[in-house]
Amino acid sequence: QVQLVESGGGLVQPGGSLRLSCAASGSIFSVYYMGWYRQPPGKERELVASITSDASTNYADSVKGRFTISRDNAKKTVYLQMNSLKPEDTAVYYCNAQRVDRGWSFWGQGTQVTVSS
């Protein structure tokens, strides 16, 4: 069991930056693989970035070079630094925790990111 709460979303102009945070509680945070997903209006949910327990990262091609995922196990928090934001980045962003060996997956409530001039 793990509970996830996202924060940091909002309205930003194209080219701007936002930092999303996902705070976890209820389980041993370090054993989970963490990810950020997003769901643009009218589209399917997609993986944005992921980070393993040993801090190995993976990014969607659309955000490589612009977004950075990181984790602080002591704070039980995962971050998504988003730079050079584009209108197509507009979406609800969701935090996810996975324990693949046990078939567990948990989601946060989502936070809205809107990129518009």
PDB file of N, CA and C in Angstrom:
ATOM      1  N   GLN A   1       0.824  -1.191   0.000  1.00  0.00           N
ATOM      2  CA  GLN A   1       0.000   0.000   0.000  1.00  0.00           C
ATOM      3  C   GLN A   1       0.869   1.255   0.000  1.00  0.00           C
ATOM      4  N   VAL A   2       0.556   2.157  -0.909  1.00  0.00           N
ATOM      5  CA  VAL A   2       1.223   3.448  -0.956  1.00  0.00           C
ATOM      6  C   VAL A   2       0.213   4.489  -1.416  1.00  0.00           C
ATOM      7  N   GLN A   3       0.240   5.630  -0.778  1.00  0.00           N
ATOM      8  CA  GLN A   3      -0.612   6.752  -1.144  1.00  0.00           C
ATOM      9  C   GLN A   3       0.238   7.834  -1.784  1.00  0.00           C
ATOM     10  N   LEU A   4      -0.263   8.410  -2.865  1.00  0.00           N
ATOM     11  CA  LEU A   4       0.481   9.388  -3.644  1.00  0.00           C
ATOM     12  C   LEU A   4      -0.314  10.672  -3.779  1.00  0.00           C
ATOM     13  N   VAL A   5       0.353  11.796  -3.573  1.00  0.00           N
ATOM     14  CA  VAL A   5      -0.277  13.104  -3.693  1.00  0.00           C
ATOM     15  C   VAL A   5       0.603  13.997  -4.551  1.00  0.00           C
ATOM     16  N   GLU A   6       0.076  14.428  -5.699  1.00  0.00           N
ATOM     17  CA  GLU A   6       0.808  15.311  -6.595  1.00  0.00           C
ATOM     18  C   GLU A   6       0.551  16.772  -6.248  1.00  0.00           C
ATOM     19  N   SER A   7       1.520  17.610  -6.582  1.00  0.00           N
ATOM     20  CA  SER A   7       1.372  19.047  -6.429  1.00  0.00           C
ATOM     21  C   SER A   7       2.300  19.744  -7.411  1.00  0.00           C
ATOM     22  N   GLY A   8       2.082  21.032  -7.612  1.00  0.00           N
ATOM     23  CA  GLY A   8       2.963  21.834  -8.442  1.00  0.00           C
ATOM     24  C   GLY A   8       2.423  22.192  -9.804  1.00  0.00           C
ATOM     25  N   GLY A   9       1.264  21.666 -10.166  1.00  0.00           N
ATOM     26  CA  GLY A   9       0.688  22.002 -11.450  1.00  0.00           C
ATOM     27  C   GLY A   9       0.155  23.417 -11.473  1.00  0.00           C
ATOM     28  N   GLY A  10      -0.197  23.868 -12.672  1.00  0.00           N
ATOM     29  CA  GLY A  10      -0.727  25.209 -12.815  1.00  0.00           C
ATOM     30  C   GLY A  10      -0.669  25.682 -14.243  1.00  0.00           C
ATOM     31  N   LEU A  11      -0.841  26.974 -14.414  1.00  0.00           N
ATOM     32  CA  LEU A  11      -0.812  27.624 -15.720  1.00  0.00           C
ATOM     33  C   LEU A  11       0.548  28.261 -15.948  1.00  0.00           C
ATOM     34  N   VAL A  12       1.127  27.992 -17.106  1.00  0.00           N
ATOM     35  CA  VAL A  12       2.433  28.546 -17.439  1.00  0.00           C
ATOM     36  C   VAL A  12       2.462  28.898 -18.920  1.00  0.00           C
ATOM     37  N   GLN A  13       3.230  29.914 -19.275  1.00  0.00           N
ATOM     38  CA  GLN A  13       3.365  30.318 -20.669  1.00  0.00           C
ATOM     39  C   GLN A  13       4.329  29.409 -21.412  1.00  0.00           C
ATOM     40  N   PRO A  14       4.176  29.287 -22.728  1.00  0.00           N
ATOM     41  CA  PRO A  14       5.139  28.510 -23.505  1.00  0.00           C
ATOM     42  C   PRO A  14       6.571  28.976 -23.245  1.00  0.00           C
ATOM     43  N   GLY A  15       7.465  28.001 -23.096  1.00  0.00           N
ATOM     44  CA  GLY A  15       8.843  28.300 -22.769  1.00  0.00           C
ATOM     45  C   GLY A  15       9.124  28.368 -21.286  1.00  0.00           C
ATOM     46  N   GLY A  16       8.095  28.348 -20.480  1.00  0.00           N
ATOM     47  CA  GLY A  16       8.256  28.424 -19.046  1.00  0.00           C
ATOM     48  C   GLY A  16       8.565  27.083 -18.415  1.00  0.00           C
ATOM     49  N   SER A  17       8.625  27.088 -17.083  1.00  0.00           N
ATOM     50  CA  SER A  17       8.994  25.895 -16.329  1.00  0.00           C
ATOM     51  C   SER A  17       8.036  25.650 -15.180  1.00  0.00           C
ATOM     52  N   LEU A  18       7.893  24.384 -14.828  1.00  0.00           N
ATOM     53  CA  LEU A  18       7.158  23.962 -13.649  1.00  0.00           C
ATOM     54  C   LEU A  18       7.879  22.785 -13.026  1.00  0.00           C
ATOM     55  N   ARG A  19       7.723  22.632 -11.732  1.00  0.00           N
ATOM     56  CA  ARG A  19       8.258  21.480 -11.026  1.00  0.00           C
ATOM     57  C   ARG A  19       7.130  20.776 -10.299  1.00  0.00           C
ATOM     58  N   LEU A  20       6.858  19.543 -10.701  1.00  0.00           N
ATOM     59  CA  LEU A  20       5.844  18.737 -10.056  1.00  0.00           C
ATOM     60  C   LEU A  20       6.464  17.896  -8.953  1.00  0.00           C
ATOM     61  N   SER A  21       5.710  17.696  -7.895  1.00  0.00           N
ATOM     62  CA  SER A  21       6.143  16.856  -6.795  1.00  0.00           C
ATOM     63  C   SER A  21       5.097  15.788  -6.529  1.00  0.00           C
ATOM     64  N   CYS A  22       5.556  14.635  -6.105  1.00  0.00           N
ATOM     65  CA  CYS A  22       4.677  13.537  -5.729  1.00  0.00           C
ATOM     66  C   CYS A  22       5.172  12.991  -4.405  1.00  0.00           C
ATOM     67  N   ALA A  23       4.392  13.190  -3.371  1.00  0.00           N
ATOM     68  CA  ALA A  23       4.745  12.731  -2.033  1.00  0.00           C
ATOM     69  C   ALA A  23       4.066  11.406  -1.745  1.00  0.00           C
ATOM     70  N   ALA A  24       4.836  10.448  -1.268  1.00  0.00           N
ATOM     71  CA  ALA A  24       4.332   9.109  -1.002  1.00  0.00           C
ATOM     72  C   ALA A  24       4.305   8.835   0.491  1.00  0.00           C
ATOM     73  N   SER A  25       3.376   7.986   0.883  1.00  0.00           N
ATOM     74  CA  SER A  25       3.287   7.561   2.270  1.00  0.00           C
ATOM     75  C   SER A  25       2.668   6.173   2.326  1.00  0.00           C
ATOM     76  N   GLY A  26       2.879   5.485   3.438  1.00  0.00           N
ATOM     77  CA  GLY A  26       2.204   4.226   3.683  1.00  0.00           C
ATOM     78  C   GLY A  26       3.009   2.966   3.388  1.00  0.00           C
ATOM     79  N   SER A  27       4.103   3.071   2.633  1.00  0.00           N
ATOM     80  CA  SER A  27       4.916   1.922   2.284  1.00  0.00           C
ATOM     81  C   SER A  27       6.384   2.331   2.210  1.00  0.00           C
ATOM     82  N   ILE A  28       7.239   1.328   2.005  1.00  0.00           N
ATOM     83  CA  ILE A  28       8.661   1.589   1.856  1.00  0.00           C
ATOM     84  C   ILE A  28       8.889   2.154   0.455  1.00  0.00           C
ATOM     85  N   PHE A  29       9.134   3.444   0.386  1.00  0.00           N
ATOM     86  CA  PHE A  29       9.198   4.154  -0.886  1.00  0.00           C
ATOM     87  C   PHE A  29      10.309   3.638  -1.786  1.00  0.00           C
ATOM     88  N   SER A  30      11.445   3.300  -1.227  1.00  0.00           N
ATOM     89  CA  SER A  30      12.629   2.979  -2.012  1.00  0.00           C
ATOM     90  C   SER A  30      12.470   1.734  -2.882  1.00  0.00           C
ATOM     91  N   VAL A  31      11.559   0.851  -2.562  1.00  0.00           N
ATOM     92  CA  VAL A  31      11.407  -0.384  -3.333  1.00  0.00           C
ATOM     93  C   VAL A  31      10.553  -0.195  -4.579  1.00  0.00           C
ATOM     94  N   TYR A  32       9.911   0.936  -4.729  1.00  0.00           N
ATOM     95  CA  TYR A  32       9.017   1.179  -5.849  1.00  0.00           C
ATOM     96  C   TYR A  32       9.713   1.864  -7.012  1.00  0.00           C
ATOM     97  N   TYR A  33       9.363   1.425  -8.215  1.00  0.00           N
ATOM     98  CA  TYR A  33       9.679   2.182  -9.405  1.00  0.00           C
ATOM     99  C   TYR A  33       8.639   3.283  -9.516  1.00  0.00           C
ATOM    100  N   MET A  34       9.070   4.486  -9.817  1.00  0.00           N
ATOM    101  CA  MET A  34       8.184   5.642  -9.882  1.00  0.00           C
ATOM    102  C   MET A  34       8.099   6.178 -11.301  1.00  0.00           C
ATOM    103  N   GLY A  35       6.951   6.723 -11.620  1.00  0.00           N
ATOM    104  CA  GLY A  35       6.773   7.286 -12.948  1.00  0.00           C
ATOM    105  C   GLY A  35       5.813   8.455 -12.954  1.00  0.00           C
ATOM    106  N   TRP A  36       5.983   9.287 -13.960  1.00  0.00           N
ATOM    107  CA  TRP A  36       5.034  10.353 -14.260  1.00  0.00           C
ATOM    108  C   TRP A  36       4.350  10.033 -15.581  1.00  0.00           C
ATOM    109  N   TYR A  37       3.041  10.077 -15.572  1.00  0.00           N
ATOM    110  CA  TYR A  37       2.230   9.901 -16.757  1.00  0.00           C
ATOM    111  C   TYR A  37       1.427  11.168 -16.987  1.00  0.00           C
ATOM    112  N   ARG A  38       0.939  11.326 -18.190  1.00  0.00           N
ATOM    113  CA  ARG A  38       0.060  12.450 -18.467  1.00  0.00           C
ATOM    114  C   ARG A  38      -1.048  12.038 -19.423  1.00  0.00           C
ATOM    115  N   GLN A  39      -2.148  12.746 -19.337  1.00  0.00           N
ATOM    116  CA  GLN A  39      -3.287  12.495 -20.203  1.00  0.00           C
ATOM    117  C   GLN A  39      -3.773  13.828 -20.761  1.00  0.00           C
ATOM    118  N   PRO A  40      -3.396  14.129 -22.012  1.00  0.00           N
ATOM    119  CA  PRO A  40      -3.893  15.350 -22.644  1.00  0.00           C
ATOM    120  C   PRO A  40      -5.386  15.243 -22.922  1.00  0.00           C
ATOM    121  N   PRO A  41      -6.057  16.358 -23.122  1.00  0.00           N
ATOM    122  CA  PRO A  41      -7.491  16.311 -23.427  1.00  0.00           C
ATOM    123  C   PRO A  41      -7.765  15.467 -24.667  1.00  0.00           C
ATOM    124  N   GLY A  42      -8.677  14.515 -24.537  1.00  0.00           N
ATOM    125  CA  GLY A  42      -9.076  13.685 -25.659  1.00  0.00           C
ATOM    126  C   GLY A  42      -8.086  12.621 -26.075  1.00  0.00           C
ATOM    127  N   LYS A  43      -7.025  12.422 -25.305  1.00  0.00           N
ATOM    128  CA  LYS A  43      -6.008  11.439 -25.655  1.00  0.00           C
ATOM    129  C   LYS A  43      -5.828  10.413 -24.543  1.00  0.00           C
ATOM    130  N   GLU A  44      -5.083   9.350 -24.870  1.00  0.00           N
ATOM    131  CA  GLU A  44      -4.803   8.306 -23.901  1.00  0.00           C
ATOM    132  C   GLU A  44      -3.714   8.738 -22.927  1.00  0.00           C
ATOM    133  N   ARG A  45      -3.715   8.117 -21.776  1.00  0.00           N
ATOM    134  CA  ARG A  45      -2.656   8.354 -20.811  1.00  0.00           C
ATOM    135  C   ARG A  45      -1.350   7.770 -21.340  1.00  0.00           C
ATOM    136  N   GLU A  46      -0.263   8.517 -21.180  1.00  0.00           N
ATOM    137  CA  GLU A  46       1.018   8.093 -21.694  1.00  0.00           C
ATOM    138  C   GLU A  46       2.116   8.301 -20.660  1.00  0.00           C
ATOM    139  N   LEU A  47       3.143   7.478 -20.764  1.00  0.00           N
ATOM    140  CA  LEU A  47       4.291   7.605 -19.873  1.00  0.00           C
ATOM    141  C   LEU A  47       5.132   8.799 -20.282  1.00  0.00           C
ATOM    142  N   VAL A  48       5.473   9.627 -19.319  1.00  0.00           N
ATOM    143  CA  VAL A  48       6.337  10.770 -19.541  1.00  0.00           C
ATOM    144  C   VAL A  48       7.769  10.449 -19.137  1.00  0.00           C
ATOM    145  N   ALA A  49       7.932   9.940 -17.926  1.00  0.00           N
ATOM    146  CA  ALA A  49       9.255   9.634 -17.402  1.00  0.00           C
ATOM    147  C   ALA A  49       9.134   8.627 -16.281  1.00  0.00           C
ATOM    148  N   SER A  50      10.166   7.828 -16.092  1.00  0.00           N
ATOM    149  CA  SER A  50      10.190   6.857 -15.010  1.00  0.00           C
ATOM    150  C   SER A  50      11.570   6.837 -14.377  1.00  0.00           C
ATOM    151  N   ILE A  51      11.610   6.357 -13.152  1.00  0.00           N
ATOM    152  CA  ILE A  51      12.874   6.258 -12.432  1.00  0.00           C
ATOM    153  C   ILE A  51      12.831   5.024 -11.549  1.00  0.00           C
ATOM    154  N   THR A  52      13.902   4.237 -11.596  1.00  0.00           N
ATOM    155  CA  THR A  52      13.977   3.004 -10.838  1.00  0.00           C
ATOM    156  C   THR A  52      14.486   3.256  -9.433  1.00  0.00           C
ATOM    157  N   SER A  53      14.554   2.176  -8.655  1.00  0.00           N
ATOM    158  CA  SER A  53      15.041   2.284  -7.287  1.00  0.00           C
ATOM    159  C   SER A  53      16.490   2.748  -7.225  1.00  0.00           C
ATOM    160  N   ASP A  54      17.282   2.411  -8.250  1.00  0.00           N
ATOM    161  CA  ASP A  54      18.679   2.831  -8.281  1.00  0.00           C
ATOM    162  C   ASP A  54      18.895   4.077  -9.127  1.00  0.00           C
ATOM    163  N   ALA A  55      17.804   4.804  -9.417  1.00  0.00           N
ATOM    164  CA  ALA A  55      17.843   6.113 -10.069  1.00  0.00           C
ATOM    165  C   ALA A  55      18.116   6.063 -11.561  1.00  0.00           C
ATOM    166  N   SER A  56      17.939   4.910 -12.183  1.00  0.00           N
ATOM    167  CA  SER A  56      17.982   4.845 -13.638  1.00  0.00           C
ATOM    168  C   SER A  56      16.713   5.479 -14.200  1.00  0.00           C
ATOM    169  N   THR A  57      16.849   6.307 -15.236  1.00  0.00           N
ATOM    170  CA  THR A  57      15.708   7.066 -15.751  1.00  0.00           C
ATOM    171  C   THR A  57      15.385   6.709 -17.188  1.00  0.00           C
ATOM    172  N   ASN A  58      14.150   6.981 -17.557  1.00  0.00           N
ATOM    173  CA  ASN A  58      13.669   6.769 -18.911  1.00  0.00           C
ATOM    174  C   ASN A  58      12.679   7.870 -19.240  1.00  0.00           C
ATOM    175  N   TYR A  59      12.719   8.364 -20.491  1.00  0.00           N
ATOM    176  CA  TYR A  59      11.870   9.476 -20.893  1.00  0.00           C
ATOM    177  C   TYR A  59      11.191   9.194 -22.219  1.00  0.00           C
ATOM    178  N   ALA A  60       9.990   9.727 -22.351  1.00  0.00           N
ATOM    179  CA  ALA A  60       9.345   9.733 -23.647  1.00  0.00           C
ATOM    180  C   ALA A  60      10.131  10.632 -24.594  1.00  0.00           C
ATOM    181  N   ASP A  61      10.155  10.265 -25.875  1.00  0.00           N
ATOM    182  CA  ASP A  61      10.907  11.049 -26.850  1.00  0.00           C
ATOM    183  C   ASP A  61      10.459  12.510 -26.878  1.00  0.00           C
ATOM    184  N   SER A  62       9.185  12.747 -26.642  1.00  0.00           N
ATOM    185  CA  SER A  62       8.643  14.088 -26.740  1.00  0.00           C
ATOM    186  C   SER A  62       9.142  15.033 -25.651  1.00  0.00           C
ATOM    187  N   VAL A  63       9.702  14.488 -24.571  1.00  0.00           N
ATOM    188  CA  VAL A  63      10.143  15.337 -23.467  1.00  0.00           C
ATOM    189  C   VAL A  63      11.633  15.248 -23.197  1.00  0.00           C
ATOM    190  N   LYS A  64      12.351  14.414 -23.930  1.00  0.00           N
ATOM    191  CA  LYS A  64      13.790  14.281 -23.720  1.00  0.00           C
ATOM    192  C   LYS A  64      14.491  15.613 -23.918  1.00  0.00           C
ATOM    193  N   GLY A  65      15.375  15.924 -22.993  1.00  0.00           N
ATOM    194  CA  GLY A  65      16.096  17.183 -23.045  1.00  0.00           C
ATOM    195  C   GLY A  65      15.368  18.339 -22.409  1.00  0.00           C
ATOM    196  N   ARG A  66      14.095  18.162 -22.083  1.00  0.00           N
ATOM    197  CA  ARG A  66      13.309  19.227 -21.471  1.00  0.00           C
ATOM    198  C   ARG A  66      12.863  18.892 -20.052  1.00  0.00           C
ATOM    199  N   PHE A  67      12.534  17.625 -19.810  1.00  0.00           N
ATOM    200  CA  PHE A  67      12.041  17.191 -18.502  1.00  0.00           C
ATOM    201  C   PHE A  67      13.101  16.365 -17.789  1.00  0.00           C
ATOM    202  N   THR A  68      13.091  16.433 -16.466  1.00  0.00           N
ATOM    203  CA  THR A  68      13.992  15.645 -15.644  1.00  0.00           C
ATOM    204  C   THR A  68      13.228  15.052 -14.474  1.00  0.00           C
ATOM    205  N   ILE A  69      13.301  13.732 -14.334  1.00  0.00           N
ATOM    206  CA  ILE A  69      12.684  13.062 -13.199  1.00  0.00           C
ATOM    207  C   ILE A  69      13.765  12.756 -12.164  1.00  0.00           C
ATOM    208  N   SER A  70      13.419  12.891 -10.903  1.00  0.00           N
ATOM    209  CA  SER A  70      14.348  12.587  -9.828  1.00  0.00           C
ATOM    210  C   SER A  70      13.566  12.096  -8.620  1.00  0.00           C
ATOM    211  N   ARG A  71      14.273  11.495  -7.680  1.00  0.00           N
ATOM    212  CA  ARG A  71      13.611  11.020  -6.474  1.00  0.00           C
ATOM    213  C   ARG A  71      14.487  11.274  -5.267  1.00  0.00           C
ATOM    214  N   ASP A  72      13.828  11.487  -4.149  1.00  0.00           N
ATOM    215  CA  ASP A  72      14.484  11.660  -2.867  1.00  0.00           C
ATOM    216  C   ASP A  72      13.857  10.640  -1.932  1.00  0.00           C
ATOM    217  N   ASN A  73      14.546   9.526  -1.742  1.00  0.00           N
ATOM    218  CA  ASN A  73      13.974   8.442  -0.948  1.00  0.00           C
ATOM    219  C   ASN A  73      13.791   8.830   0.518  1.00  0.00           C
ATOM    220  N   ALA A  74      14.667   9.673   1.033  1.00  0.00           N
ATOM    221  CA  ALA A  74      14.532  10.117   2.417  1.00  0.00           C
ATOM    222  C   ALA A  74      13.256  10.915   2.621  1.00  0.00           C
ATOM    223  N   LYS A  75      12.876  11.694   1.614  1.00  0.00           N
ATOM    224  CA  LYS A  75      11.653  12.492   1.681  1.00  0.00           C
ATOM    225  C   LYS A  75      10.451  11.766   1.101  1.00  0.00           C
ATOM    226  N   LYS A  76      10.664  10.571   0.560  1.00  0.00           N
ATOM    227  CA  LYS A  76       9.602   9.795  -0.073  1.00  0.00           C
ATOM    228  C   LYS A  76       8.896  10.618  -1.141  1.00  0.00           C
ATOM    229  N   THR A  77       9.671  11.260  -1.980  1.00  0.00           N
ATOM    230  CA  THR A  77       9.134  12.180  -2.975  1.00  0.00           C
ATOM    231  C   THR A  77       9.816  11.972  -4.321  1.00  0.00           C
ATOM    232  N   VAL A  78       9.024  12.047  -5.377  1.00  0.00           N
ATOM    233  CA  VAL A  78       9.541  12.032  -6.733  1.00  0.00           C
ATOM    234  C   VAL A  78       9.170  13.355  -7.388  1.00  0.00           C
ATOM    235  N   TYR A  79      10.068  13.875  -8.223  1.00  0.00           N
ATOM    236  CA  TYR A  79       9.886  15.171  -8.845  1.00  0.00           C
ATOM    237  C   TYR A  79       9.913  15.055 -10.360  1.00  0.00           C
ATOM    238  N   LEU A  80       9.271  16.000 -11.002  1.00  0.00           N
ATOM    239  CA  LEU A  80       9.382  16.155 -12.441  1.00  0.00           C
ATOM    240  C   LEU A  80       9.630  17.626 -12.740  1.00  0.00           C
ATOM    241  N   GLN A  81      10.860  17.937 -13.112  1.00  0.00           N
ATOM    242  CA  GLN A  81      11.212  19.288 -13.521  1.00  0.00           C
ATOM    243  C   GLN A  81      10.913  19.428 -15.004  1.00  0.00           C
ATOM    244  N   MET A  82      10.057  20.365 -15.351  1.00  0.00           N
ATOM    245  CA  MET A  82       9.619  20.563 -16.725  1.00  0.00           C
ATOM    246  C   MET A  82      10.080  21.933 -17.201  1.00  0.00           C
ATOM    247  N   ASN A  83      10.947  21.937 -18.191  1.00  0.00           N
ATOM    248  CA  ASN A  83      11.462  23.168 -18.776  1.00  0.00           C
ATOM    249  C   ASN A  83      11.035  23.273 -20.233  1.00  0.00           C
ATOM    250  N   SER A  84      11.137  24.469 -20.766  1.00  0.00           N
ATOM    251  CA  SER A  84      10.801  24.725 -22.169  1.00  0.00           C
ATOM    252  C   SER A  84       9.439  24.152 -22.528  1.00  0.00           C
ATOM    253  N   LEU A  85       8.471  24.445 -21.710  1.00  0.00           N
ATOM    254  CA  LEU A  85       7.145  23.861 -21.882  1.00  0.00           C
ATOM    255  C   LEU A  85       6.475  24.336 -23.166  1.00  0.00           C
ATOM    256  N   LYS A  86       5.725  23.421 -23.764  1.00  0.00           N
ATOM    257  CA  LYS A  86       5.015  23.662 -25.008  1.00  0.00           C
ATOM    258  C   LYS A  86       3.521  23.479 -24.787  1.00  0.00           C
ATOM    259  N   PRO A  87       2.689  24.088 -25.620  1.00  0.00           N
ATOM    260  CA  PRO A  87       1.244  23.892 -25.481  1.00  0.00           C
ATOM    261  C   PRO A  87       0.842  22.422 -25.505  1.00  0.00           C
ATOM    262  N   GLU A  88       1.542  21.601 -26.276  1.00  0.00           N
ATOM    263  CA  GLU A  88       1.219  20.183 -26.342  1.00  0.00           C
ATOM    264  C   GLU A  88       1.559  19.422 -25.067  1.00  0.00           C
ATOM    265  N   ASP A  89       2.236  20.062 -24.127  1.00  0.00           N
ATOM    266  CA  ASP A  89       2.469  19.464 -22.817  1.00  0.00           C
ATOM    267  C   ASP A  89       1.255  19.589 -21.905  1.00  0.00           C
ATOM    268  N   THR A  90       0.262  20.335 -22.322  1.00  0.00           N
ATOM    269  CA  THR A  90      -0.948  20.505 -21.524  1.00  0.00           C
ATOM    270  C   THR A  90      -1.612  19.156 -21.283  1.00  0.00           C
ATOM    271  N   ALA A  91      -1.847  18.833 -20.017  1.00  0.00           N
ATOM    272  CA  ALA A  91      -2.414  17.537 -19.655  1.00  0.00           C
ATOM    273  C   ALA A  91      -2.626  17.484 -18.154  1.00  0.00           C
ATOM    274  N   VAL A  92      -3.341  16.462 -17.727  1.00  0.00           N
ATOM    275  CA  VAL A  92      -3.349  16.101 -16.323  1.00  0.00           C
ATOM    276  C   VAL A  92      -2.180  15.153 -16.099  1.00  0.00           C
ATOM    277  N   TYR A  93      -1.334  15.476 -15.162  1.00  0.00           N
ATOM    278  CA  TYR A  93      -0.152  14.679 -14.870  1.00  0.00           C
ATOM    279  C   TYR A  93      -0.388  13.826 -13.638  1.00  0.00           C
ATOM    280  N   TYR A  94      -0.060  12.539 -13.759  1.00  0.00           N
ATOM    281  CA  TYR A  94      -0.297  11.576 -12.695  1.00  0.00           C
ATOM    282  C   TYR A  94       1.010  10.943 -12.233  1.00  0.00           C
ATOM    283  N   CYS A  95       1.135  10.791 -10.948  1.00  0.00           N
ATOM    284  CA  CYS A  95       2.239  10.061 -10.350  1.00  0.00           C
ATOM    285  C   CYS A  95       1.850   8.599 -10.194  1.00  0.00           C
ATOM    286  N   ASN A  96       2.803   7.709 -10.453  1.00  0.00           N
ATOM    287  CA  ASN A  96       2.551   6.280 -10.360  1.00  0.00           C
ATOM    288  C   ASN A  96       3.675   5.585  -9.610  1.00  0.00           C
ATOM    289  N   ALA A  97       3.310   4.629  -8.779  1.00  0.00           N
ATOM    290  CA  ALA A  97       4.266   3.779  -8.080  1.00  0.00           C
ATOM    291  C   ALA A  97       3.996   2.333  -8.447  1.00  0.00           C
ATOM    292  N   GLN A  98       5.050   1.599  -8.791  1.00  0.00           N
ATOM    293  CA  GLN A  98       4.917   0.220  -9.228  1.00  0.00           C
ATOM    294  C   GLN A  98       5.795  -0.712  -8.422  1.00  0.00           C
ATOM    295  N   ARG A  99       5.220  -1.831  -8.051  1.00  0.00           N
ATOM    296  CA  ARG A  99       5.952  -2.948  -7.476  1.00  0.00           C
ATOM    297  C   ARG A  99       5.659  -4.132  -8.395  1.00  0.00           C
ATOM    298  N   VAL A 100       6.434  -4.229  -9.457  1.00  0.00           N
ATOM    299  CA  VAL A 100       6.144  -5.157 -10.542  1.00  0.00           C
ATOM    300  C   VAL A 100       6.163  -6.612 -10.078  1.00  0.00           C
ATOM    301  N   ASP A 101       7.084  -6.964  -9.202  1.00  0.00           N
ATOM    302  CA  ASP A 101       7.203  -8.347  -8.750  1.00  0.00           C
ATOM    303  C   ASP A 101       5.979  -8.815  -7.984  1.00  0.00           C
ATOM    304  N   ARG A 102       5.200  -7.892  -7.485  1.00  0.00           N
ATOM    305  CA  ARG A 102       3.974  -8.241  -6.765  1.00  0.00           C
ATOM    306  C   ARG A 102       2.713  -7.838  -7.526  1.00  0.00           C
ATOM    307  N   GLY A 103       2.881  -7.260  -8.699  1.00  0.00           N
ATOM    308  CA  GLY A 103       1.740  -6.841  -9.482  1.00  0.00           C
ATOM    309  C   GLY A 103       1.006  -5.656  -8.903  1.00  0.00           C
ATOM    310  N   TRP A 104       1.713  -4.810  -8.171  1.00  0.00           N
ATOM    311  CA  TRP A 104       1.089  -3.644  -7.545  1.00  0.00           C
ATOM    312  C   TRP A 104       1.343  -2.392  -8.356  1.00  0.00           C
ATOM    313  N   SER A 105       0.331  -1.544  -8.440  1.00  0.00           N
ATOM    314  CA  SER A 105       0.443  -0.256  -9.099  1.00  0.00           C
ATOM    315  C   SER A 105      -0.515   0.718  -8.430  1.00  0.00           C
ATOM    316  N   PHE A 106      -0.010   1.901  -8.100  1.00  0.00           N
ATOM    317  CA  PHE A 106      -0.800   2.907  -7.408  1.00  0.00           C
ATOM    318  C   PHE A 106      -0.694   4.240  -8.129  1.00  0.00           C
ATOM    319  N   TRP A 107      -1.781   5.000  -8.089  1.00  0.00           N
ATOM    320  CA  TRP A 107      -1.868   6.276  -8.783  1.00  0.00           C
ATOM    321  C   TRP A 107      -2.231   7.403  -7.837  1.00  0.00           C
ATOM    322  N   GLY A 108      -1.691   8.572  -8.119  1.00  0.00           N
ATOM    323  CA  GLY A 108      -2.120   9.776  -7.447  1.00  0.00           C
ATOM    324  C   GLY A 108      -3.377  10.320  -8.094  1.00  0.00           C
ATOM    325  N   GLN A 109      -3.878  11.426  -7.560  1.00  0.00           N
ATOM    326  CA  GLN A 109      -5.133  11.994  -8.046  1.00  0.00           C
ATOM    327  C   GLN A 109      -4.968  12.839  -9.306  1.00  0.00           C
ATOM    328  N   GLY A 110      -3.751  13.207  -9.629  1.00  0.00           N
ATOM    329  CA  GLY A 110      -3.472  14.007 -10.800  1.00  0.00           C
ATOM    330  C   GLY A 110      -3.392  15.490 -10.493  1.00  0.00           C
ATOM    331  N   THR A 111      -2.608  16.199 -11.298  1.00  0.00           N
ATOM    332  CA  THR A 111      -2.505  17.647 -11.191  1.00  0.00           C
ATOM    333  C   THR A 111      -2.497  18.241 -12.597  1.00  0.00           C
ATOM    334  N   GLN A 112      -3.257  19.304 -12.783  1.00  0.00           N
ATOM    335  CA  GLN A 112      -3.428  19.904 -14.103  1.00  0.00           C
ATOM    336  C   GLN A 112      -2.248  20.806 -14.447  1.00  0.00           C
ATOM    337  N   VAL A 113      -1.702  20.603 -15.638  1.00  0.00           N
ATOM    338  CA  VAL A 113      -0.679  21.486 -16.198  1.00  0.00           C
ATOM    339  C   VAL A 113      -1.231  22.066 -17.489  1.00  0.00           C
ATOM    340  N   THR A 114      -1.294  23.383 -17.555  1.00  0.00           N
ATOM    341  CA  THR A 114      -1.788  24.064 -18.740  1.00  0.00           C
ATOM    342  C   THR A 114      -0.713  25.010 -19.254  1.00  0.00           C
ATOM    343  N   VAL A 115      -0.319  24.827 -20.509  1.00  0.00           N
ATOM    344  CA  VAL A 115       0.689  25.662 -21.144  1.00  0.00           C
ATOM    345  C   VAL A 115      -0.015  26.486 -22.213  1.00  0.00           C
ATOM    346  N   SER A 116      -0.119  27.770 -21.969  1.00  0.00           N
ATOM    347  CA  SER A 116      -0.872  28.638 -22.869  1.00  0.00           C
ATOM    348  C   SER A 116      -0.398  30.074 -22.724  1.00  0.00           C
ATOM    349  N   SER A 117      -0.430  30.797 -23.828  1.00  0.00           N
ATOM    350  CA  SER A 117      -0.111  32.206 -23.813  1.00  0.00           C
ATOM    351  C   SER A 117      -1.344  33.066 -23.626  1.00  0.00           C
TER     352      SER A 117
END
